[in-house]
Amino acid sequence: MVATGPDALAWNSYDYQGVCPSPNGGKQINDRWGMWQCECTSYSADKLNERGVPFRWNYKSTNWGSAGNWLSAAKATGTPYGTYPRQGDVAWWSFGHVAYVDAVDSYGNVTISEYNWSWNRNFNTRTLKRGTSSYPNYFIHF
């Protein structure tokens, strides 16, 4: 399931939503956490900060940078991660994408919110079934 339009936008509390997908989407402009606006990493950083996690590009003195690096950074900083999701986790895919876990059901299916899925710099939500090819590789437990 992918939510778009008004329903998806109701979930969206991202600080930079007014400039995505344009005029700033794709221009590699830093946000206040040192990530690029309208990217999956910026959105995830925003959601973590909303929860009170003081996340920035150099969280725990390690460069988190692009999404593909987040699992290595979690390992380097001792930030817990695993294959079982919790609400508030950051979902991580090995191809270089992160998303925020908004909900987890009793089967381990996750509802995520994200920016820049499919490289369009838009916001959307999806529910991903455990065991499918679209399911995240890991979940980082902040």
Protein backbone atom coordinates (compact mmCIF):
# COMPACT_ATOMS: atom_id res chain seq x y z
CA MET A 1 0.00 0.00 0.00
CA VAL A 2 1.29 3.45 -0.90
CA ALA A 3 -0.53 6.47 0.46
CA THR A 4 -0.41 9.60 -1.61
CA GLY A 5 -2.33 12.84 -1.76
CA PRO A 6 -4.08 14.37 1.27
CA ASP A 7 -3.98 11.14 3.35
CA ALA A 8 -0.20 10.83 3.06
CA LEU A 9 0.33 14.53 3.65
CA ALA A 10 -1.58 14.33 6.94
CA TRP A 11 1.27 12.14 8.28
CA ASN A 12 3.93 14.50 7.02
CA SER A 13 5.46 16.71 9.70
CA TYR A 14 8.81 17.10 7.90
CA ASP A 15 10.36 20.54 8.48
CA TYR A 16 11.20 20.93 4.78
CA GLN A 17 8.01 19.62 3.19
CA GLY A 18 7.30 23.04 1.65
CA VAL A 19 10.38 22.84 -0.58
CA CYS A 20 10.01 19.20 -1.69
CA PRO A 21 10.06 18.03 -4.39
CA SER A 22 10.87 21.51 -5.63
CA PRO A 23 12.27 24.13 -5.57
CA ASN A 24 14.97 22.55 -3.36
CA GLY A 25 14.56 18.85 -4.17
CA GLY A 26 17.71 17.54 -5.84
CA LYS A 27 19.75 20.69 -5.27
CA GLN A 28 21.82 19.17 -2.44
CA ILE A 29 21.05 21.94 0.04
CA ASN A 30 21.89 21.03 3.64
CA ASP A 31 19.17 20.92 6.24
CA ARG A 32 19.74 21.80 9.88
CA TRP A 33 21.04 18.25 10.61
CA GLY A 34 23.69 18.34 7.87
CA MET A 35 21.69 16.14 5.48
CA TRP A 36 20.38 17.13 2.06
CA GLN A 37 16.84 18.50 2.03
CA CYS A 38 14.14 16.29 0.48
CA GLU A 39 16.18 13.10 0.89
CA CYS A 40 15.38 9.99 2.91
CA THR A 41 18.20 10.71 5.37
CA SER A 42 16.97 14.24 6.07
CA TYR A 43 13.42 13.02 6.69
CA SER A 44 14.63 10.25 9.02
CA ALA A 45 16.81 12.74 10.92
CA ASP A 46 13.80 15.05 11.25
CA LYS A 47 11.62 12.25 12.66
CA LEU A 48 14.33 11.16 15.12
CA ASN A 49 14.70 14.74 16.36
CA GLU A 50 10.91 15.02 16.77
CA ARG A 51 11.21 12.04 19.17
CA GLY A 52 13.99 13.74 21.10
CA VAL A 53 16.95 11.85 19.59
CA PRO A 54 19.61 14.53 18.90
CA PHE A 55 20.50 13.06 15.52
CA ARG A 56 22.82 14.86 13.08
CA TRP A 57 25.09 13.76 10.25
CA ASN A 58 27.85 13.21 12.85
CA TYR A 59 25.74 11.47 15.51
CA LYS A 60 27.98 9.96 18.21
CA SER A 61 31.04 11.45 16.44
CA THR A 62 30.57 9.22 13.36
CA ASN A 63 29.70 10.26 9.81
CA TRP A 64 26.29 8.79 9.01
CA GLY A 65 26.10 10.58 5.64
CA SER A 66 24.31 8.76 2.86
CA ALA A 67 21.70 6.11 3.63
CA GLY A 68 23.95 3.27 2.47
CA ASN A 69 26.31 4.09 5.34
CA TRP A 70 23.77 4.07 8.16
CA LEU A 71 24.15 0.41 9.15
CA SER A 72 27.95 0.70 9.28
CA ALA A 73 27.58 3.88 11.36
CA ALA A 74 25.17 2.10 13.73
CA LYS A 75 27.70 -0.71 14.18
CA ALA A 76 30.56 1.77 14.73
CA THR A 77 28.64 3.72 17.39
CA GLY A 78 27.07 0.78 19.19
CA THR A 79 23.59 1.89 18.14
CA PRO A 80 21.41 -1.24 18.34
CA TYR A 81 19.97 -2.74 15.15
CA GLY A 82 18.31 -5.96 14.11
CA THR A 83 15.83 -7.66 11.84
CA TYR A 84 12.81 -7.16 14.12
CA PRO A 85 11.16 -3.73 13.84
CA ARG A 86 9.86 -1.44 16.54
CA GLN A 87 7.81 1.72 16.14
CA GLY A 88 10.25 4.65 15.96
CA ASP A 89 13.04 2.65 14.30
CA VAL A 90 14.73 3.66 11.10
CA ALA A 91 14.29 1.01 8.38
CA TRP A 92 17.45 0.40 6.34
CA TRP A 93 17.89 -1.15 2.88
CA SER A 94 21.26 -2.30 1.57
CA PHE A 95 20.75 -0.49 -1.74
CA GLY A 96 20.96 2.84 0.10
CA HIS A 97 17.60 3.97 1.47
CA VAL A 98 16.20 4.70 4.94
CA ALA A 99 12.68 5.35 6.17
CA TYR A 100 10.93 5.96 9.48
CA VAL A 101 8.89 3.13 11.06
CA ASP A 102 5.52 4.56 12.04
CA ALA A 103 3.82 1.30 13.00
CA VAL A 104 4.45 -2.44 13.35
CA ASP A 105 1.68 -5.04 13.43
CA SER A 106 1.72 -8.40 15.21
CA TYR A 107 3.00 -10.14 12.05
CA GLY A 108 6.03 -7.85 11.76
CA ASN A 109 4.59 -5.90 8.84
CA VAL A 110 5.73 -2.28 8.96
CA THR A 111 4.15 0.99 7.96
CA ILE A 112 6.85 3.45 7.01
CA SER A 113 6.99 7.07 5.95
CA GLU A 114 9.75 8.34 3.70
CA TYR A 115 11.07 10.87 1.25
CA ASN A 116 12.72 10.22 -2.09
CA TRP A 117 11.50 6.71 -2.70
CA SER A 118 11.93 6.15 -6.45
CA TRP A 119 14.17 9.24 -6.60
CA ASN A 120 11.26 11.69 -6.97
CA ARG A 121 11.91 13.57 -3.70
CA ASN A 122 8.25 13.27 -2.73
CA PHE A 123 6.74 12.04 0.54
CA ASN A 124 4.85 8.78 0.80
CA THR A 125 3.88 6.02 3.18
CA ARG A 126 3.89 2.29 2.56
CA THR A 127 3.00 -0.86 4.45
CA LEU A 128 5.56 -3.60 3.80
CA LYS A 129 4.87 -7.27 4.50
CA ARG A 130 7.50 -9.22 6.38
CA GLY A 131 9.21 -11.74 4.10
CA THR A 132 8.69 -9.83 0.84
CA SER A 133 11.50 -8.49 -1.34
CA SER A 134 10.58 -4.89 -0.49
CA TYR A 135 11.00 -5.47 3.26
CA PRO A 136 13.93 -3.61 4.88
CA ASN A 137 17.17 -5.48 5.50
CA TYR A 138 17.56 -4.08 9.04
CA PHE A 139 16.00 -1.75 11.57
CA ILE A 140 18.14 0.70 13.53
CA HIS A 141 16.85 1.13 17.10
CA PHE A 142 17.54 4.69 18.24
